[in-house]
Amino acid sequence: MQTKITGRVWKYGDDVNTDVIFPGKYTYSITDRGEMASHALEDLDADFACNVRPGDIIVAGRNWGCGSSREQAVICIKEAGVGAIV
């Protein structure tokens, strides 16, 4: 069975670490998941959080999500509505 995913594509390069996905300065000050989403990728792509739509797809380079283990990096992307990371 094949699954078809449709959405706008957001393409990023290699070595995007968890500190870039969710800025470390917010790690202990933001606990609301919706607010986390509003800061997703803000230091890499200031337009992402404002323009991402449910079902959009991130095409990531090598080593996406490297760095410190930060659950907020996963939560903010999920809460932003991203349908897939390839």
PDB file of N, CA and C in Angstrom:
ATOM      1  N   MET A   1       0.841  -1.178   0.000  1.00  0.00           N
ATOM      2  CA  MET A   1       0.000   0.000   0.000  1.00  0.00           C
ATOM      3  C   MET A   1       0.888   1.244   0.000  1.00  0.00           C
ATOM      4  N   GLN A   2       0.581   2.172  -0.869  1.00  0.00           N
ATOM      5  CA  GLN A   2       1.330   3.419  -0.937  1.00  0.00           C
ATOM      6  C   GLN A   2       0.549   4.532  -0.259  1.00  0.00           C
ATOM      7  N   THR A   3       1.262   5.391   0.414  1.00  0.00           N
ATOM      8  CA  THR A   3       0.652   6.549   1.048  1.00  0.00           C
ATOM      9  C   THR A   3       1.111   7.785   0.302  1.00  0.00           C
ATOM     10  N   LYS A   4       0.180   8.631  -0.055  1.00  0.00           N
ATOM     11  CA  LYS A   4       0.503   9.866  -0.756  1.00  0.00           C
ATOM     12  C   LYS A   4       0.435  11.023   0.234  1.00  0.00           C
ATOM     13  N   ILE A   5       1.505  11.777   0.291  1.00  0.00           N
ATOM     14  CA  ILE A   5       1.568  12.948   1.159  1.00  0.00           C
ATOM     15  C   ILE A   5       1.679  14.170   0.268  1.00  0.00           C
ATOM     16  N   THR A   6       0.848  15.148   0.523  1.00  0.00           N
ATOM     17  CA  THR A   6       0.933  16.384  -0.258  1.00  0.00           C
ATOM     18  C   THR A   6       1.118  17.564   0.681  1.00  0.00           C
ATOM     19  N   GLY A   7       1.842  18.534   0.209  1.00  0.00           N
ATOM     20  CA  GLY A   7       2.090  19.740   0.987  1.00  0.00           C
ATOM     21  C   GLY A   7       3.228  20.523   0.376  1.00  0.00           C
ATOM     22  N   ARG A   8       3.407  21.709   0.846  1.00  0.00           N
ATOM     23  CA  ARG A   8       4.524  22.537   0.394  1.00  0.00           C
ATOM     24  C   ARG A   8       5.809  21.945   0.960  1.00  0.00           C
ATOM     25  N   VAL A   9       6.893  22.088   0.204  1.00  0.00           N
ATOM     26  CA  VAL A   9       8.189  21.564   0.630  1.00  0.00           C
ATOM     27  C   VAL A   9       9.055  22.691   1.175  1.00  0.00           C
ATOM     28  N   TRP A  10       9.666  22.420   2.312  1.00  0.00           N
ATOM     29  CA  TRP A  10      10.647  23.311   2.940  1.00  0.00           C
ATOM     30  C   TRP A  10      11.974  22.574   2.888  1.00  0.00           C
ATOM     31  N   LYS A  11      12.937  23.084   2.137  1.00  0.00           N
ATOM     32  CA  LYS A  11      14.214  22.399   1.947  1.00  0.00           C
ATOM     33  C   LYS A  11      15.307  23.076   2.775  1.00  0.00           C
ATOM     34  N   TYR A  12      16.027  22.248   3.529  1.00  0.00           N
ATOM     35  CA  TYR A  12      17.111  22.742   4.370  1.00  0.00           C
ATOM     36  C   TYR A  12      18.367  21.912   4.135  1.00  0.00           C
ATOM     37  N   GLY A  13      19.499  22.466   4.475  1.00  0.00           N
ATOM     38  CA  GLY A  13      20.787  21.824   4.232  1.00  0.00           C
ATOM     39  C   GLY A  13      21.187  20.823   5.295  1.00  0.00           C
ATOM     40  N   ASP A  14      22.464  20.527   5.289  1.00  0.00           N
ATOM     41  CA  ASP A  14      23.041  19.543   6.198  1.00  0.00           C
ATOM     42  C   ASP A  14      23.273  20.127   7.596  1.00  0.00           C
ATOM     43  N   ASP A  15      23.342  19.236   8.554  1.00  0.00           N
ATOM     44  CA  ASP A  15      23.748  19.554   9.925  1.00  0.00           C
ATOM     45  C   ASP A  15      22.864  20.585  10.625  1.00  0.00           C
ATOM     46  N   VAL A  16      21.571  20.499  10.405  1.00  0.00           N
ATOM     47  CA  VAL A  16      20.644  21.366  11.142  1.00  0.00           C
ATOM     48  C   VAL A  16      20.419  20.694  12.496  1.00  0.00           C
ATOM     49  N   ASN A  17      20.981  21.299  13.533  1.00  0.00           N
ATOM     50  CA  ASN A  17      20.938  20.647  14.845  1.00  0.00           C
ATOM     51  C   ASN A  17      19.718  21.077  15.664  1.00  0.00           C
ATOM     52  N   THR A  18      19.539  20.412  16.791  1.00  0.00           N
ATOM     53  CA  THR A  18      18.355  20.665  17.614  1.00  0.00           C
ATOM     54  C   THR A  18      18.319  22.083  18.172  1.00  0.00           C
ATOM     55  N   ASP A  19      19.478  22.706  18.327  1.00  0.00           N
ATOM     56  CA  ASP A  19      19.508  24.102  18.789  1.00  0.00           C
ATOM     57  C   ASP A  19      18.995  25.057  17.717  1.00  0.00           C
ATOM     58  N   VAL A  20      19.097  24.661  16.468  1.00  0.00           N
ATOM     59  CA  VAL A  20      18.571  25.463  15.361  1.00  0.00           C
ATOM     60  C   VAL A  20      17.078  25.176  15.174  1.00  0.00           C
ATOM     61  N   ILE A  21      16.683  23.927  15.323  1.00  0.00           N
ATOM     62  CA  ILE A  21      15.271  23.563  15.169  1.00  0.00           C
ATOM     63  C   ILE A  21      14.434  24.244  16.249  1.00  0.00           C
ATOM     64  N   PHE A  22      14.888  24.181  17.481  1.00  0.00           N
ATOM     65  CA  PHE A  22      14.232  24.876  18.588  1.00  0.00           C
ATOM     66  C   PHE A  22      15.311  25.573  19.401  1.00  0.00           C
ATOM     67  N   PRO A  23      15.390  26.899  19.321  1.00  0.00           N
ATOM     68  CA  PRO A  23      16.476  27.638  19.969  1.00  0.00           C
ATOM     69  C   PRO A  23      16.606  27.332  21.466  1.00  0.00           C
ATOM     70  N   GLY A  24      17.843  27.070  21.867  1.00  0.00           N
ATOM     71  CA  GLY A  24      18.131  26.722  23.251  1.00  0.00           C
ATOM     72  C   GLY A  24      17.690  27.758  24.265  1.00  0.00           C
ATOM     73  N   LYS A  25      17.624  29.017  23.851  1.00  0.00           N
ATOM     74  CA  LYS A  25      17.241  30.072  24.804  1.00  0.00           C
ATOM     75  C   LYS A  25      15.818  29.903  25.324  1.00  0.00           C
ATOM     76  N   TYR A  26      15.005  29.086  24.640  1.00  0.00           N
ATOM     77  CA  TYR A  26      13.618  28.869  25.065  1.00  0.00           C
ATOM     78  C   TYR A  26      13.410  27.542  25.799  1.00  0.00           C
ATOM     79  N   THR A  27      14.441  26.744  25.920  1.00  0.00           N
ATOM     80  CA  THR A  27      14.300  25.383  26.440  1.00  0.00           C
ATOM     81  C   THR A  27      13.557  25.311  27.768  1.00  0.00           C
ATOM     82  N   TYR A  28      13.847  26.211  28.679  1.00  0.00           N
ATOM     83  CA  TYR A  28      13.227  26.146  30.007  1.00  0.00           C
ATOM     84  C   TYR A  28      12.149  27.193  30.227  1.00  0.00           C
ATOM     85  N   SER A  29      11.998  28.112  29.297  1.00  0.00           N
ATOM     86  CA  SER A  29      11.018  29.182  29.500  1.00  0.00           C
ATOM     87  C   SER A  29       9.698  28.946  28.775  1.00  0.00           C
ATOM     88  N   ILE A  30       9.691  28.080  27.769  1.00  0.00           N
ATOM     89  CA  ILE A  30       8.458  27.816  27.021  1.00  0.00           C
ATOM     90  C   ILE A  30       8.074  26.356  27.200  1.00  0.00           C
ATOM     91  N   THR A  31       6.864  26.133  27.710  1.00  0.00           N
ATOM     92  CA  THR A  31       6.365  24.772  27.869  1.00  0.00           C
ATOM     93  C   THR A  31       5.105  24.520  27.053  1.00  0.00           C
ATOM     94  N   ASP A  32       4.456  25.579  26.596  1.00  0.00           N
ATOM     95  CA  ASP A  32       3.253  25.443  25.779  1.00  0.00           C
ATOM     96  C   ASP A  32       3.641  24.985  24.369  1.00  0.00           C
ATOM     97  N   ARG A  33       3.059  23.894  23.921  1.00  0.00           N
ATOM     98  CA  ARG A  33       3.427  23.315  22.628  1.00  0.00           C
ATOM     99  C   ARG A  33       3.128  24.241  21.453  1.00  0.00           C
ATOM    100  N   GLY A  34       2.033  24.951  21.508  1.00  0.00           N
ATOM    101  CA  GLY A  34       1.713  25.901  20.442  1.00  0.00           C
ATOM    102  C   GLY A  34       2.732  27.020  20.364  1.00  0.00           C
ATOM    103  N   GLU A  35       3.156  27.485  21.518  1.00  0.00           N
ATOM    104  CA  GLU A  35       4.178  28.527  21.539  1.00  0.00           C
ATOM    105  C   GLU A  35       5.519  27.980  21.061  1.00  0.00           C
ATOM    106  N   MET A  36       5.806  26.724  21.380  1.00  0.00           N
ATOM    107  CA  MET A  36       7.026  26.103  20.854  1.00  0.00           C
ATOM    108  C   MET A  36       7.021  26.141  19.328  1.00  0.00           C
ATOM    109  N   ALA A  37       5.881  25.795  18.736  1.00  0.00           N
ATOM    110  CA  ALA A  37       5.767  25.788  17.274  1.00  0.00           C
ATOM    111  C   ALA A  37       6.038  27.157  16.679  1.00  0.00           C
ATOM    112  N   SER A  38       5.673  28.202  17.388  1.00  0.00           N
ATOM    113  CA  SER A  38       5.871  29.555  16.861  1.00  0.00           C
ATOM    114  C   SER A  38       7.346  29.956  16.809  1.00  0.00           C
ATOM    115  N   HIS A  39       8.211  29.156  17.428  1.00  0.00           N
ATOM    116  CA  HIS A  39       9.651  29.440  17.409  1.00  0.00           C
ATOM    117  C   HIS A  39      10.440  28.413  16.591  1.00  0.00           C
ATOM    118  N   ALA A  40       9.737  27.498  15.945  1.00  0.00           N
ATOM    119  CA  ALA A  40      10.412  26.465  15.163  1.00  0.00           C
ATOM    120  C   ALA A  40      11.278  27.078  14.067  1.00  0.00           C
ATOM    121  N   LEU A  41      12.510  26.701  14.049  1.00  0.00           N
ATOM    122  CA  LEU A  41      13.482  27.098  13.013  1.00  0.00           C
ATOM    123  C   LEU A  41      13.687  28.601  12.876  1.00  0.00           C
ATOM    124  N   GLU A  42      13.339  29.374  13.891  1.00  0.00           N
ATOM    125  CA  GLU A  42      13.368  30.833  13.747  1.00  0.00           C
ATOM    126  C   GLU A  42      14.748  31.409  13.454  1.00  0.00           C
ATOM    127  N   ASP A  43      15.804  30.767  13.911  1.00  0.00           N
ATOM    128  CA  ASP A  43      17.146  31.286  13.639  1.00  0.00           C
ATOM    129  C   ASP A  43      17.669  30.874  12.263  1.00  0.00           C
ATOM    130  N   LEU A  44      17.031  29.906  11.639  1.00  0.00           N
ATOM    131  CA  LEU A  44      17.423  29.441  10.310  1.00  0.00           C
ATOM    132  C   LEU A  44      16.530  30.035   9.229  1.00  0.00           C
ATOM    133  N   ASP A  45      15.225  30.088   9.509  1.00  0.00           N
ATOM    134  CA  ASP A  45      14.240  30.535   8.523  1.00  0.00           C
ATOM    135  C   ASP A  45      13.139  31.298   9.257  1.00  0.00           C
ATOM    136  N   ALA A  46      13.269  32.603   9.274  1.00  0.00           N
ATOM    137  CA  ALA A  46      12.327  33.448  10.022  1.00  0.00           C
ATOM    138  C   ALA A  46      10.896  33.330   9.513  1.00  0.00           C
ATOM    139  N   ASP A  47      10.699  32.875   8.284  1.00  0.00           N
ATOM    140  CA  ASP A  47       9.358  32.758   7.706  1.00  0.00           C
ATOM    141  C   ASP A  47       8.680  31.428   8.007  1.00  0.00           C
ATOM    142  N   PHE A  48       9.429  30.446   8.466  1.00  0.00           N
ATOM    143  CA  PHE A  48       8.879  29.106   8.623  1.00  0.00           C
ATOM    144  C   PHE A  48       7.652  29.068   9.525  1.00  0.00           C
ATOM    145  N   ALA A  49       7.778  29.510  10.751  1.00  0.00           N
ATOM    146  CA  ALA A  49       6.689  29.380  11.728  1.00  0.00           C
ATOM    147  C   ALA A  49       5.430  30.117  11.299  1.00  0.00           C
ATOM    148  N   CYS A  50       5.586  31.221  10.610  1.00  0.00           N
ATOM    149  CA  CYS A  50       4.426  32.004  10.168  1.00  0.00           C
ATOM    150  C   CYS A  50       3.751  31.409   8.937  1.00  0.00           C
ATOM    151  N   ASN A  51       4.512  30.669   8.141  1.00  0.00           N
ATOM    152  CA  ASN A  51       3.993  30.223   6.851  1.00  0.00           C
ATOM    153  C   ASN A  51       3.809  28.723   6.697  1.00  0.00           C
ATOM    154  N   VAL A  52       4.318  27.928   7.622  1.00  0.00           N
ATOM    155  CA  VAL A  52       4.134  26.485   7.521  1.00  0.00           C
ATOM    156  C   VAL A  52       2.653  26.160   7.673  1.00  0.00           C
ATOM    157  N   ARG A  53       2.202  25.171   6.912  1.00  0.00           N
ATOM    158  CA  ARG A  53       0.798  24.754   6.939  1.00  0.00           C
ATOM    159  C   ARG A  53       0.713  23.262   7.248  1.00  0.00           C
ATOM    160  N   PRO A  54      -0.396  22.819   7.814  1.00  0.00           N
ATOM    161  CA  PRO A  54      -0.543  21.391   8.106  1.00  0.00           C
ATOM    162  C   PRO A  54      -0.288  20.545   6.859  1.00  0.00           C
ATOM    163  N   GLY A  55       0.528  19.531   7.032  1.00  0.00           N
ATOM    164  CA  GLY A  55       0.849  18.625   5.937  1.00  0.00           C
ATOM    165  C   GLY A  55       2.099  18.989   5.162  1.00  0.00           C
ATOM    166  N   ASP A  56       2.674  20.159   5.417  1.00  0.00           N
ATOM    167  CA  ASP A  56       3.898  20.539   4.718  1.00  0.00           C
ATOM    168  C   ASP A  56       5.006  19.524   5.009  1.00  0.00           C
ATOM    169  N   ILE A  57       5.995  19.501   4.131  1.00  0.00           N
ATOM    170  CA  ILE A  57       7.054  18.502   4.180  1.00  0.00           C
ATOM    171  C   ILE A  57       8.407  19.198   4.311  1.00  0.00           C
ATOM    172  N   ILE A  58       9.227  18.715   5.205  1.00  0.00           N
ATOM    173  CA  ILE A  58      10.606  19.198   5.307  1.00  0.00           C
ATOM    174  C   ILE A  58      11.501  18.197   4.586  1.00  0.00           C
ATOM    175  N   VAL A  59      12.264  18.696   3.617  1.00  0.00           N
ATOM    176  CA  VAL A  59      13.297  17.893   2.967  1.00  0.00           C
ATOM    177  C   VAL A  59      14.608  18.314   3.616  1.00  0.00           C
ATOM    178  N   ALA A  60      15.147  17.426   4.399  1.00  0.00           N
ATOM    179  CA  ALA A  60      16.317  17.740   5.220  1.00  0.00           C
ATOM    180  C   ALA A  60      17.587  17.175   4.607  1.00  0.00           C
ATOM    181  N   GLY A  61      18.681  17.869   4.851  1.00  0.00           N
ATOM    182  CA  GLY A  61      19.987  17.366   4.438  1.00  0.00           C
ATOM    183  C   GLY A  61      20.486  16.318   5.422  1.00  0.00           C
ATOM    184  N   ARG A  62      21.721  15.935   5.228  1.00  0.00           N
ATOM    185  CA  ARG A  62      22.340  14.946   6.113  1.00  0.00           C
ATOM    186  C   ARG A  62      22.405  15.473   7.546  1.00  0.00           C
ATOM    187  N   ASN A  63      22.244  14.582   8.464  1.00  0.00           N
ATOM    188  CA  ASN A  63      22.457  14.870   9.881  1.00  0.00           C
ATOM    189  C   ASN A  63      21.422  15.827  10.479  1.00  0.00           C
ATOM    190  N   TRP A  64      20.213  15.817   9.944  1.00  0.00           N
ATOM    191  CA  TRP A  64      19.123  16.633  10.493  1.00  0.00           C
ATOM    192  C   TRP A  64      18.876  16.211  11.939  1.00  0.00           C
ATOM    193  N   GLY A  65      18.772  17.162  12.828  1.00  0.00           N
ATOM    194  CA  GLY A  65      18.465  16.872  14.225  1.00  0.00           C
ATOM    195  C   GLY A  65      19.654  16.429  15.057  1.00  0.00           C
ATOM    196  N   CYS A  66      20.850  16.685  14.566  1.00  0.00           N
ATOM    197  CA  CYS A  66      22.044  16.331  15.336  1.00  0.00           C
ATOM    198  C   CYS A  66      22.158  17.248  16.555  1.00  0.00           C
ATOM    199  N   GLY A  67      23.086  16.957  17.412  1.00  0.00           N
ATOM    200  CA  GLY A  67      23.303  17.813  18.578  1.00  0.00           C
ATOM    201  C   GLY A  67      22.680  17.242  19.830  1.00  0.00           C
ATOM    202  N   SER A  68      22.341  18.126  20.735  1.00  0.00           N
ATOM    203  CA  SER A  68      21.810  17.698  22.027  1.00  0.00           C
ATOM    204  C   SER A  68      20.430  17.075  21.875  1.00  0.00           C
ATOM    205  N   SER A  69      20.114  16.166  22.778  1.00  0.00           N
ATOM    206  CA  SER A  69      18.792  15.537  22.751  1.00  0.00           C
ATOM    207  C   SER A  69      17.797  16.510  23.371  1.00  0.00           C
ATOM    208  N   ARG A  70      17.025  17.111  22.523  1.00  0.00           N
ATOM    209  CA  ARG A  70      16.078  18.132  22.965  1.00  0.00           C
ATOM    210  C   ARG A  70      14.703  17.771  22.414  1.00  0.00           C
ATOM    211  N   GLU A  71      13.821  17.285  23.280  1.00  0.00           N
ATOM    212  CA  GLU A  71      12.497  16.868  22.826  1.00  0.00           C
ATOM    213  C   GLU A  71      11.703  18.016  22.227  1.00  0.00           C
ATOM    214  N   GLN A  72      11.998  19.248  22.628  1.00  0.00           N
ATOM    215  CA  GLN A  72      11.282  20.405  22.094  1.00  0.00           C
ATOM    216  C   GLN A  72      11.489  20.544  20.589  1.00  0.00           C
ATOM    217  N   ALA A  73      12.613  20.081  20.069  1.00  0.00           N
ATOM    218  CA  ALA A  73      12.872  20.150  18.631  1.00  0.00           C
ATOM    219  C   ALA A  73      11.856  19.299  17.869  1.00  0.00           C
ATOM    220  N   VAL A  74      11.540  18.154  18.397  1.00  0.00           N
ATOM    221  CA  VAL A  74      10.540  17.282  17.778  1.00  0.00           C
ATOM    222  C   VAL A  74       9.141  17.862  17.975  1.00  0.00           C
ATOM    223  N   ILE A  75       8.852  18.294  19.180  1.00  0.00           N
ATOM    224  CA  ILE A  75       7.521  18.820  19.503  1.00  0.00           C
ATOM    225  C   ILE A  75       7.184  20.035  18.654  1.00  0.00           C
ATOM    226  N   CYS A  76       8.107  20.974  18.509  1.00  0.00           N
ATOM    227  CA  CYS A  76       7.782  22.206  17.778  1.00  0.00           C
ATOM    228  C   CYS A  76       7.500  21.926  16.307  1.00  0.00           C
ATOM    229  N   ILE A  77       8.212  20.977  15.700  1.00  0.00           N
ATOM    230  CA  ILE A  77       7.970  20.626  14.298  1.00  0.00           C
ATOM    231  C   ILE A  77       6.622  19.914  14.165  1.00  0.00           C
ATOM    232  N   LYS A  78       6.345  19.003  15.073  1.00  0.00           N
ATOM    233  CA  LYS A  78       5.059  18.289  15.056  1.00  0.00           C
ATOM    234  C   LYS A  78       3.903  19.261  15.257  1.00  0.00           C
ATOM    235  N   GLU A  79       4.016  20.131  16.245  1.00  0.00           N
ATOM    236  CA  GLU A  79       2.946  21.087  16.540  1.00  0.00           C
ATOM    237  C   GLU A  79       2.767  22.125  15.432  1.00  0.00           C
ATOM    238  N   ALA A  80       3.814  22.363  14.652  1.00  0.00           N
ATOM    239  CA  ALA A  80       3.703  23.278  13.512  1.00  0.00           C
ATOM    240  C   ALA A  80       2.878  22.654  12.388  1.00  0.00           C
ATOM    241  N   GLY A  81       2.669  21.340  12.464  1.00  0.00           N
ATOM    242  CA  GLY A  81       1.824  20.668  11.479  1.00  0.00           C
ATOM    243  C   GLY A  81       2.574  19.959  10.369  1.00  0.00           C
ATOM    244  N   VAL A  82       3.883  19.878  10.467  1.00  0.00           N
ATOM    245  CA  VAL A  82       4.670  19.216   9.430  1.00  0.00           C
ATOM    246  C   VAL A  82       4.215  17.764   9.302  1.00  0.00           C
ATOM    247  N   GLY A  83       3.944  17.350   8.061  1.00  0.00           N
ATOM    248  CA  GLY A  83       3.441  16.010   7.814  1.00  0.00           C
ATOM    249  C   GLY A  83       4.519  14.960   7.660  1.00  0.00           C
ATOM    250  N   ALA A  84       5.704  15.384   7.232  1.00  0.00           N
ATOM    251  CA  ALA A  84       6.798  14.432   7.028  1.00  0.00           C
ATOM    252  C   ALA A  84       8.127  15.166   6.970  1.00  0.00           C
ATOM    253  N   ILE A  85       9.162  14.463   7.374  1.00  0.00           N
ATOM    254  CA  ILE A  85      10.538  14.925   7.200  1.00  0.00           C
ATOM    255  C   ILE A  85      11.245  13.845   6.395  1.00  0.00           C
ATOM    256  N   VAL A  86      11.785  14.252   5.269  1.00  0.00           N
ATOM    257  CA  VAL A  86      12.465  13.307   4.372  1.00  0.00           C
ATOM    258  C   VAL A  86      13.927  13.658   4.327  1.00  0.00           C
TER     259      VAL A  86
END
